[in-house]
Amino acid sequence: MSDWFETLEAQVKAKSISQVAREIGYARPSVSLALNGKYPTSTKKIADAVLQTYQTAIACPYLKYEISPEECATQNSAHQPTHDPLALRFWNTCQTCEFNTKKKGHSK
């Protein structure tokens, strides 16, 4: 299971599916389908909403310390740097990172 899914499960257990759905901006049936592995399409957008709502820090695998979800999103959505080899390595790491919000198929 991925971090977003475990976070979603924990939030639903502590609250309710209806409350969590409201907090992340989804309908209750959508959250229920995602929890049961029956969501008809990619769960990437739900995953992103869960992480944006509940995740306070991301353990960046490149930097080796925690950063905010906003910092992570800024970095992983940046254009490929061509001027700095270190920045390029960082960018390349972001492209395959589990926390990359642009990565295709970001699902459980």
Protein backbone atom coordinates (compact mmCIF):
# COMPACT_ATOMS: atom_id res chain seq x y z
CA MET A 1 0.00 0.00 0.00
CA SER A 2 1.14 3.51 -0.66
CA ASP A 3 1.34 6.36 1.83
CA TRP A 4 -1.76 8.11 0.53
CA PHE A 5 -3.89 4.98 0.87
CA GLU A 6 -2.73 4.30 4.42
CA THR A 7 -3.40 7.94 5.28
CA LEU A 8 -6.88 7.71 3.78
CA GLU A 9 -7.64 4.53 5.74
CA ALA A 10 -6.43 6.09 8.99
CA GLN A 11 -8.47 9.26 8.46
CA VAL A 12 -11.63 7.28 7.68
CA LYS A 13 -11.08 5.08 10.73
CA ALA A 14 -10.65 8.16 12.96
CA LYS A 15 -13.56 10.10 11.42
CA SER A 16 -15.98 8.77 8.79
CA ILE A 17 -15.97 8.28 5.05
CA SER A 18 -18.39 11.19 4.65
CA GLN A 19 -16.27 13.61 6.66
CA VAL A 20 -13.03 12.63 4.92
CA ALA A 21 -14.73 12.91 1.52
CA ARG A 22 -15.84 16.47 2.35
CA GLU A 23 -12.35 17.38 3.59
CA ILE A 24 -10.62 16.16 0.42
CA GLY A 25 -13.34 17.47 -1.91
CA TYR A 26 -14.74 14.17 -3.17
CA ALA A 27 -18.10 12.43 -2.98
CA ARG A 28 -18.48 9.73 -0.34
CA PRO A 29 -19.05 6.97 -2.94
CA SER A 30 -15.77 7.87 -4.68
CA VAL A 31 -13.83 7.55 -1.44
CA SER A 32 -15.58 4.26 -0.67
CA LEU A 33 -14.73 2.87 -4.11
CA ALA A 34 -11.10 3.94 -3.75
CA LEU A 35 -10.85 2.31 -0.31
CA ASN A 36 -12.24 -0.94 -1.68
CA GLY A 37 -9.99 -0.97 -4.74
CA LYS A 38 -12.95 -0.57 -7.09
CA TYR A 39 -12.48 3.00 -8.29
CA PRO A 40 -13.20 2.80 -12.05
CA THR A 41 -10.26 4.98 -13.18
CA SER A 42 -6.87 6.05 -11.89
CA THR A 43 -6.83 7.11 -8.24
CA LYS A 44 -4.11 9.69 -8.87
CA LYS A 45 -6.36 12.71 -8.26
CA ILE A 46 -7.79 11.22 -5.07
CA ALA A 47 -4.26 10.36 -3.92
CA ASP A 48 -3.13 13.92 -4.58
CA ALA A 49 -6.13 15.32 -2.66
CA VAL A 50 -5.43 13.05 0.31
CA LEU A 51 -1.78 14.01 0.43
CA GLN A 52 -2.49 17.73 -0.01
CA THR A 53 -5.07 17.63 2.78
CA TYR A 54 -3.39 15.42 5.38
CA GLN A 55 0.31 15.17 4.72
CA THR A 56 2.36 17.73 6.63
CA ALA A 57 5.83 16.63 5.54
CA ILE A 58 7.39 14.52 2.81
CA ALA A 59 10.61 12.60 3.34
CA CYS A 60 12.46 13.72 0.22
CA PRO A 61 14.60 10.82 -1.05
CA TYR A 62 17.03 13.19 -2.74
CA LEU A 63 17.53 15.75 0.01
CA LYS A 64 17.34 13.11 2.78
CA TYR A 65 15.17 15.35 4.97
CA GLU A 66 11.53 16.33 5.21
CA ILE A 67 10.05 19.11 3.11
CA SER A 68 6.53 20.50 2.85
CA PRO A 69 4.13 19.15 0.23
CA GLU A 70 4.22 22.60 -1.40
CA GLU A 71 8.02 22.53 -1.70
CA CYS A 72 7.82 19.03 -3.14
CA ALA A 73 5.16 20.02 -5.68
CA THR A 74 7.18 23.06 -6.72
CA GLN A 75 10.29 20.97 -7.28
CA ASN A 76 8.62 18.08 -9.10
CA SER A 77 6.68 20.37 -11.41
CA ALA A 78 9.68 22.52 -12.36
CA HIS A 79 11.13 22.49 -15.86
CA GLN A 80 14.20 20.35 -16.50
CA PRO A 81 17.27 22.38 -15.52
CA THR A 82 20.04 22.54 -18.07
CA HIS A 83 22.45 24.89 -16.29
CA ASP A 84 23.41 22.92 -13.17
CA PRO A 85 24.36 19.21 -12.93
CA LEU A 86 23.24 18.99 -9.28
CA ALA A 87 19.88 20.56 -10.07
CA LEU A 88 19.51 18.10 -12.95
CA ARG A 89 20.19 15.14 -10.62
CA PHE A 90 17.58 16.48 -8.20
CA TRP A 91 15.09 16.92 -11.05
CA ASN A 92 15.77 13.39 -12.37
CA THR A 93 15.16 11.94 -8.91
CA CYS A 94 11.85 13.80 -8.73
CA GLN A 95 10.68 12.31 -12.01
CA THR A 96 10.60 8.80 -10.54
CA CYS A 97 9.71 9.70 -6.95
CA GLU A 98 6.57 8.23 -5.39
CA PHE A 99 5.56 11.72 -4.22
CA ASN A 100 5.69 13.27 -7.71
CA THR A 101 2.21 14.66 -8.31
CA LYS A 102 2.75 14.79 -12.09
CA LYS A 103 3.77 11.13 -12.41
CA LYS A 104 1.37 9.07 -14.49
CA GLY A 105 -0.52 6.28 -12.76
CA HIS A 106 -0.02 7.70 -9.26
CA SER A 107 -2.35 5.20 -7.60
CA LYS A 108 -2.51 2.55 -4.91
